[in-house]
Amino acid sequence: MKHRNISLSDGEQEVCSVSACGKTPKRSIPRKRVEKTGSLSLQGSSRKVNLCSDCYRIFKKSSKKDRTMESLGR
């Protein structure tokens, strides 16, 4: 089955929210979770942060310890 890419924006192409990264975003994550790790320098001031696959991988590796602690606390 083919997936269609539907853009609800006004025609502006979105880019990754990390400074010095201009790739197309693949994931959207709350800003507070990304800022908690401190591994990425973000630009803008929106609530959600768009991350490309490379930046998401960096975020995922830096937040691994936090995610395991959250899963143990359940």
PDB file of N, CA and C in Angstrom:
ATOM      1  N   MET A   1       0.830  -1.163   0.000  1.00  0.00           N
ATOM      2  CA  MET A   1       0.000   0.000   0.000  1.00  0.00           C
ATOM      3  C   MET A   1       0.884   1.240   0.000  1.00  0.00           C
ATOM      4  N   LYS A   2       0.580   2.174  -0.835  1.00  0.00           N
ATOM      5  CA  LYS A   2       1.352   3.414  -0.909  1.00  0.00           C
ATOM      6  C   LYS A   2       0.858   4.406   0.128  1.00  0.00           C
ATOM      7  N   HIS A   3       1.789   5.158   0.663  1.00  0.00           N
ATOM      8  CA  HIS A   3       1.454   6.215   1.615  1.00  0.00           C
ATOM      9  C   HIS A   3       1.557   7.559   0.903  1.00  0.00           C
ATOM     10  N   ARG A   4       0.577   8.388   1.114  1.00  0.00           N
ATOM     11  CA  ARG A   4       0.606   9.731   0.544  1.00  0.00           C
ATOM     12  C   ARG A   4       1.115  10.702   1.574  1.00  0.00           C
ATOM     13  N   ASN A   5       1.936  11.624   1.151  1.00  0.00           N
ATOM     14  CA  ASN A   5       2.392  12.701   2.026  1.00  0.00           C
ATOM     15  C   ASN A   5       1.448  13.868   1.877  1.00  0.00           C
ATOM     16  N   ILE A   6       0.744  14.190   2.945  1.00  0.00           N
ATOM     17  CA  ILE A   6      -0.208  15.288   2.939  1.00  0.00           C
ATOM     18  C   ILE A   6       0.344  16.394   3.813  1.00  0.00           C
ATOM     19  N   SER A   7       0.506  17.553   3.235  1.00  0.00           N
ATOM     20  CA  SER A   7       1.017  18.701   3.976  1.00  0.00           C
ATOM     21  C   SER A   7      -0.129  19.670   4.242  1.00  0.00           C
ATOM     22  N   LEU A   8      -0.307  20.017   5.507  1.00  0.00           N
ATOM     23  CA  LEU A   8      -1.371  20.942   5.888  1.00  0.00           C
ATOM     24  C   LEU A   8      -0.853  22.359   6.056  1.00  0.00           C
ATOM     25  N   SER A   9       0.417  22.584   5.779  1.00  0.00           N
ATOM     26  CA  SER A   9       0.975  23.926   5.931  1.00  0.00           C
ATOM     27  C   SER A   9       0.640  24.788   4.720  1.00  0.00           C
ATOM     28  N   ASP A  10       1.047  26.033   4.783  1.00  0.00           N
ATOM     29  CA  ASP A  10       0.735  27.011   3.736  1.00  0.00           C
ATOM     30  C   ASP A  10       1.704  26.971   2.560  1.00  0.00           C
ATOM     31  N   GLY A  11       2.388  25.896   2.372  1.00  0.00           N
ATOM     32  CA  GLY A  11       3.334  25.791   1.276  1.00  0.00           C
ATOM     33  C   GLY A  11       4.774  25.963   1.697  1.00  0.00           C
ATOM     34  N   GLU A  12       5.000  26.378   2.928  1.00  0.00           N
ATOM     35  CA  GLU A  12       6.359  26.489   3.426  1.00  0.00           C
ATOM     36  C   GLU A  12       6.879  25.090   3.732  1.00  0.00           C
ATOM     37  N   GLN A  13       8.094  24.822   3.281  1.00  0.00           N
ATOM     38  CA  GLN A  13       8.674  23.511   3.533  1.00  0.00           C
ATOM     39  C   GLN A  13       9.332  23.516   4.905  1.00  0.00           C
ATOM     40  N   GLU A  14       9.038  22.529   5.721  1.00  0.00           N
ATOM     41  CA  GLU A  14       9.582  22.466   7.060  1.00  0.00           C
ATOM     42  C   GLU A  14      10.998  21.909   7.021  1.00  0.00           C
ATOM     43  N   VAL A  15      11.811  22.348   7.973  1.00  0.00           N
ATOM     44  CA  VAL A  15      13.176  21.853   8.113  1.00  0.00           C
ATOM     45  C   VAL A  15      13.380  21.428   9.557  1.00  0.00           C
ATOM     46  N   CYS A  16      14.448  20.707   9.797  1.00  0.00           N
ATOM     47  CA  CYS A  16      14.790  20.231  11.133  1.00  0.00           C
ATOM     48  C   CYS A  16      15.000  21.427  12.065  1.00  0.00           C
ATOM     49  N   SER A  17      14.551  21.325  13.317  1.00  0.00           N
ATOM     50  CA  SER A  17      14.616  22.433  14.269  1.00  0.00           C
ATOM     51  C   SER A  17      15.967  22.590  14.935  1.00  0.00           C
ATOM     52  N   VAL A  18      16.926  21.714  14.628  1.00  0.00           N
ATOM     53  CA  VAL A  18      18.255  21.799  15.213  1.00  0.00           C
ATOM     54  C   VAL A  18      19.073  22.832  14.438  1.00  0.00           C
ATOM     55  N   SER A  19      19.836  23.644  15.150  1.00  0.00           N
ATOM     56  CA  SER A  19      20.679  24.650  14.501  1.00  0.00           C
ATOM     57  C   SER A  19      21.687  23.956  13.589  1.00  0.00           C
ATOM     58  N   ALA A  20      21.942  24.546  12.437  1.00  0.00           N
ATOM     59  CA  ALA A  20      22.906  24.056  11.442  1.00  0.00           C
ATOM     60  C   ALA A  20      22.490  22.716  10.832  1.00  0.00           C
ATOM     61  N   CYS A  21      21.215  22.425  10.802  1.00  0.00           N
ATOM     62  CA  CYS A  21      20.711  21.215  10.146  1.00  0.00           C
ATOM     63  C   CYS A  21      19.529  21.639   9.278  1.00  0.00           C
ATOM     64  N   GLY A  22      19.582  21.368   8.002  1.00  0.00           N
ATOM     65  CA  GLY A  22      18.531  21.809   7.097  1.00  0.00           C
ATOM     66  C   GLY A  22      17.795  20.676   6.420  1.00  0.00           C
ATOM     67  N   LYS A  23      17.846  19.483   7.014  1.00  0.00           N
ATOM     68  CA  LYS A  23      17.204  18.320   6.410  1.00  0.00           C
ATOM     69  C   LYS A  23      15.704  18.330   6.677  1.00  0.00           C
ATOM     70  N   THR A  24      14.974  17.500   5.949  1.00  0.00           N
ATOM     71  CA  THR A  24      13.529  17.405   6.145  1.00  0.00           C
ATOM     72  C   THR A  24      13.234  16.604   7.406  1.00  0.00           C
ATOM     73  N   PRO A  25      12.268  17.041   8.197  1.00  0.00           N
ATOM     74  CA  PRO A  25      11.958  16.350   9.457  1.00  0.00           C
ATOM     75  C   PRO A  25      11.196  15.049   9.243  1.00  0.00           C
ATOM     76  N   LYS A  26      11.430  14.115  10.141  1.00  0.00           N
ATOM     77  CA  LYS A  26      10.730  12.832  10.131  1.00  0.00           C
ATOM     78  C   LYS A  26       9.879  12.638  11.376  1.00  0.00           C
ATOM     79  N   ARG A  27      10.263  13.267  12.487  1.00  0.00           N
ATOM     80  CA  ARG A  27       9.556  13.110  13.757  1.00  0.00           C
ATOM     81  C   ARG A  27       9.268  14.461  14.381  1.00  0.00           C
ATOM     82  N   SER A  28       8.240  14.497  15.202  1.00  0.00           N
ATOM     83  CA  SER A  28       7.891  15.690  15.957  1.00  0.00           C
ATOM     84  C   SER A  28       7.818  15.310  17.430  1.00  0.00           C
ATOM     85  N   ILE A  29       8.587  16.011  18.263  1.00  0.00           N
ATOM     86  CA  ILE A  29       8.715  15.662  19.676  1.00  0.00           C
ATOM     87  C   ILE A  29       8.505  16.924  20.505  1.00  0.00           C
ATOM     88  N   PRO A  30       7.948  16.799  21.721  1.00  0.00           N
ATOM     89  CA  PRO A  30       7.810  17.980  22.580  1.00  0.00           C
ATOM     90  C   PRO A  30       9.163  18.603  22.913  1.00  0.00           C
ATOM     91  N   ARG A  31       9.220  19.934  22.914  1.00  0.00           N
ATOM     92  CA  ARG A  31      10.465  20.666  23.137  1.00  0.00           C
ATOM     93  C   ARG A  31      11.062  20.355  24.508  1.00  0.00           C
ATOM     94  N   LYS A  32      10.234  20.210  25.539  1.00  0.00           N
ATOM     95  CA  LYS A  32      10.736  19.971  26.890  1.00  0.00           C
ATOM     96  C   LYS A  32      11.541  18.676  26.975  1.00  0.00           C
ATOM     97  N   ARG A  33      11.110  17.639  26.259  1.00  0.00           N
ATOM     98  CA  ARG A  33      11.836  16.369  26.295  1.00  0.00           C
ATOM     99  C   ARG A  33      13.204  16.493  25.649  1.00  0.00           C
ATOM    100  N   VAL A  34      13.290  17.272  24.575  1.00  0.00           N
ATOM    101  CA  VAL A  34      14.567  17.448  23.887  1.00  0.00           C
ATOM    102  C   VAL A  34      15.492  18.339  24.706  1.00  0.00           C
ATOM    103  N   GLU A  35      14.953  19.389  25.307  1.00  0.00           N
ATOM    104  CA  GLU A  35      15.777  20.294  26.104  1.00  0.00           C
ATOM    105  C   GLU A  35      16.283  19.623  27.376  1.00  0.00           C
ATOM    106  N   LYS A  36      15.561  18.641  27.893  1.00  0.00           N
ATOM    107  CA  LYS A  36      15.972  17.948  29.099  1.00  0.00           C
ATOM    108  C   LYS A  36      17.294  17.200  28.890  1.00  0.00           C
ATOM    109  N   THR A  37      17.507  16.660  27.688  1.00  0.00           N
ATOM    110  CA  THR A  37      18.744  15.928  27.417  1.00  0.00           C
ATOM    111  C   THR A  37      19.924  16.872  27.250  1.00  0.00           C
ATOM    112  N   GLY A  38      19.708  18.035  26.635  1.00  0.00           N
ATOM    113  CA  GLY A  38      20.771  19.010  26.461  1.00  0.00           C
ATOM    114  C   GLY A  38      21.786  18.641  25.394  1.00  0.00           C
ATOM    115  N   SER A  39      21.483  17.674  24.553  1.00  0.00           N
ATOM    116  CA  SER A  39      22.447  17.232  23.552  1.00  0.00           C
ATOM    117  C   SER A  39      22.321  17.980  22.230  1.00  0.00           C
ATOM    118  N   LEU A  40      21.174  18.623  21.972  1.00  0.00           N
ATOM    119  CA  LEU A  40      20.949  19.324  20.720  1.00  0.00           C
ATOM    120  C   LEU A  40      20.666  20.803  20.983  1.00  0.00           C
ATOM    121  N   SER A  41      21.196  21.664  20.132  1.00  0.00           N
ATOM    122  CA  SER A  41      20.901  23.095  20.250  1.00  0.00           C
ATOM    123  C   SER A  41      19.754  23.419  19.298  1.00  0.00           C
ATOM    124  N   LEU A  42      18.652  23.887  19.853  1.00  0.00           N
ATOM    125  CA  LEU A  42      17.436  24.105  19.083  1.00  0.00           C
ATOM    126  C   LEU A  42      17.278  25.565  18.703  1.00  0.00           C
ATOM    127  N   GLN A  43      16.552  25.792  17.635  1.00  0.00           N
ATOM    128  CA  GLN A  43      16.204  27.148  17.217  1.00  0.00           C
ATOM    129  C   GLN A  43      14.692  27.283  17.221  1.00  0.00           C
ATOM    130  N   GLY A  44      14.196  28.476  17.349  1.00  0.00           N
ATOM    131  CA  GLY A  44      12.757  28.715  17.398  1.00  0.00           C
ATOM    132  C   GLY A  44      12.229  28.614  18.813  1.00  0.00           C
ATOM    133  N   SER A  45      10.911  28.812  18.941  1.00  0.00           N
ATOM    134  CA  SER A  45      10.322  28.785  20.284  1.00  0.00           C
ATOM    135  C   SER A  45       8.991  28.050  20.312  1.00  0.00           C
ATOM    136  N   SER A  46       8.750  27.154  19.386  1.00  0.00           N
ATOM    137  CA  SER A  46       7.478  26.435  19.361  1.00  0.00           C
ATOM    138  C   SER A  46       7.470  25.306  20.383  1.00  0.00           C
ATOM    139  N   ARG A  47       6.288  24.805  20.681  1.00  0.00           N
ATOM    140  CA  ARG A  47       6.161  23.726  21.651  1.00  0.00           C
ATOM    141  C   ARG A  47       6.705  22.403  21.128  1.00  0.00           C
ATOM    142  N   LYS A  48       6.469  22.141  19.861  1.00  0.00           N
ATOM    143  CA  LYS A  48       6.933  20.906  19.226  1.00  0.00           C
ATOM    144  C   LYS A  48       8.214  21.170  18.449  1.00  0.00           C
ATOM    145  N   VAL A  49       9.070  20.171  18.382  1.00  0.00           N
ATOM    146  CA  VAL A  49      10.333  20.269  17.675  1.00  0.00           C
ATOM    147  C   VAL A  49      10.340  19.225  16.573  1.00  0.00           C
ATOM    148  N   ASN A  50      10.675  19.637  15.360  1.00  0.00           N
ATOM    149  CA  ASN A  50      10.781  18.718  14.239  1.00  0.00           C
ATOM    150  C   ASN A  50      12.224  18.243  14.132  1.00  0.00           C
ATOM    151  N   LEU A  51      12.420  16.919  14.095  1.00  0.00           N
ATOM    152  CA  LEU A  51      13.758  16.356  14.014  1.00  0.00           C
ATOM    153  C   LEU A  51      13.891  15.465  12.784  1.00  0.00           C
ATOM    154  N   CYS A  52      15.033  15.568  12.103  1.00  0.00           N
ATOM    155  CA  CYS A  52      15.321  14.660  10.993  1.00  0.00           C
ATOM    156  C   CYS A  52      15.776  13.331  11.590  1.00  0.00           C
ATOM    157  N   SER A  53      15.994  12.337  10.751  1.00  0.00           N
ATOM    158  CA  SER A  53      16.339  11.010  11.260  1.00  0.00           C
ATOM    159  C   SER A  53      17.686  11.007  11.981  1.00  0.00           C
ATOM    160  N   ASP A  54      18.651  11.786  11.507  1.00  0.00           N
ATOM    161  CA  ASP A  54      19.965  11.825  12.165  1.00  0.00           C
ATOM    162  C   ASP A  54      19.886  12.492  13.537  1.00  0.00           C
ATOM    163  N   CYS A  55      19.197  13.614  13.625  1.00  0.00           N
ATOM    164  CA  CYS A  55      19.052  14.317  14.899  1.00  0.00           C
ATOM    165  C   CYS A  55      18.190  13.515  15.873  1.00  0.00           C
ATOM    166  N   TYR A  56      17.192  12.803  15.359  1.00  0.00           N
ATOM    167  CA  TYR A  56      16.363  11.959  16.219  1.00  0.00           C
ATOM    168  C   TYR A  56      17.193  10.834  16.816  1.00  0.00           C
ATOM    169  N   ARG A  57      18.131  10.302  16.042  1.00  0.00           N
ATOM    170  CA  ARG A  57      19.001   9.243  16.537  1.00  0.00           C
ATOM    171  C   ARG A  57      19.873   9.758  17.676  1.00  0.00           C
ATOM    172  N   ILE A  58      20.393  10.982  17.546  1.00  0.00           N
ATOM    173  CA  ILE A  58      21.199  11.595  18.604  1.00  0.00           C
ATOM    174  C   ILE A  58      20.352  11.790  19.855  1.00  0.00           C
ATOM    175  N   PHE A  59      19.121  12.298  19.680  1.00  0.00           N
ATOM    176  CA  PHE A  59      18.218  12.495  20.814  1.00  0.00           C
ATOM    177  C   PHE A  59      17.900  11.175  21.496  1.00  0.00           C
ATOM    178  N   LYS A  60      17.644  10.147  20.702  1.00  0.00           N
ATOM    179  CA  LYS A  60      17.264   8.846  21.239  1.00  0.00           C
ATOM    180  C   LYS A  60      18.397   8.242  22.071  1.00  0.00           C
ATOM    181  N   LYS A  61      19.630   8.367  21.589  1.00  0.00           N
ATOM    182  CA  LYS A  61      20.773   7.831  22.324  1.00  0.00           C
ATOM    183  C   LYS A  61      21.006   8.590  23.622  1.00  0.00           C
ATOM    184  N   SER A  62      20.834   9.912  23.601  1.00  0.00           N
ATOM    185  CA  SER A  62      21.092  10.698  24.804  1.00  0.00           C
ATOM    186  C   SER A  62      19.976  10.565  25.844  1.00  0.00           C
ATOM    187  N   SER A  63      18.789  10.163  25.429  1.00  0.00           N
ATOM    188  CA  SER A  63      17.681  10.038  26.383  1.00  0.00           C
ATOM    189  C   SER A  63      17.407   8.596  26.777  1.00  0.00           C
ATOM    190  N   LYS A  64      18.282   7.684  26.418  1.00  0.00           N
ATOM    191  CA  LYS A  64      18.049   6.266  26.703  1.00  0.00           C
ATOM    192  C   LYS A  64      17.960   5.990  28.204  1.00  0.00           C
ATOM    193  N   LYS A  65      18.845   6.605  28.982  1.00  0.00           N
ATOM    194  CA  LYS A  65      18.843   6.386  30.424  1.00  0.00           C
ATOM    195  C   LYS A  65      17.545   6.872  31.059  1.00  0.00           C
ATOM    196  N   ASP A  66      17.063   8.040  30.613  1.00  0.00           N
ATOM    197  CA  ASP A  66      15.812   8.582  31.143  1.00  0.00           C
ATOM    198  C   ASP A  66      14.626   7.686  30.797  1.00  0.00           C
ATOM    199  N   ARG A  67      14.621   7.180  29.580  1.00  0.00           N
ATOM    200  CA  ARG A  67      13.502   6.329  29.157  1.00  0.00           C
ATOM    201  C   ARG A  67      13.472   5.018  29.930  1.00  0.00           C
ATOM    202  N   THR A  68      14.645   4.433  30.239  1.00  0.00           N
ATOM    203  CA  THR A  68      14.663   3.183  31.012  1.00  0.00           C
ATOM    204  C   THR A  68      14.201   3.431  32.440  1.00  0.00           C
ATOM    205  N   MET A  69      14.586   4.582  33.012  1.00  0.00           N
ATOM    206  CA  MET A  69      14.150   4.902  34.374  1.00  0.00           C
ATOM    207  C   MET A  69      12.649   5.108  34.439  1.00  0.00           C
ATOM    208  N   GLU A  70      12.070   5.722  33.388  1.00  0.00           N
ATOM    209  CA  GLU A  70      10.630   5.910  33.361  1.00  0.00           C
ATOM    210  C   GLU A  70       9.907   4.583  33.256  1.00  0.00           C
ATOM    211  N   SER A  71      10.431   3.658  32.486  1.00  0.00           N
ATOM    212  CA  SER A  71       9.767   2.362  32.314  1.00  0.00           C
ATOM    213  C   SER A  71       9.864   1.524  33.580  1.00  0.00           C
ATOM    214  N   LEU A  72      10.940   1.675  34.369  1.00  0.00           N
ATOM    215  CA  LEU A  72      11.067   0.953  35.618  1.00  0.00           C
ATOM    216  C   LEU A  72      10.144   1.494  36.683  1.00  0.00           C
ATOM    217  N   GLY A  73       9.808   2.769  36.600  1.00  0.00           N
ATOM    218  CA  GLY A  73       8.946   3.402  37.591  1.00  0.00           C
ATOM    219  C   GLY A  73       7.474   3.101  37.415  1.00  0.00           C
ATOM    220  N   ARG A  74       7.100   2.448  36.356  1.00  0.00           N
ATOM    221  CA  ARG A  74       5.678   2.160  36.106  1.00  0.00           C
ATOM    222  C   ARG A  74       5.154   1.058  36.925  1.00  0.00           C
TER     223      ARG A  74
END
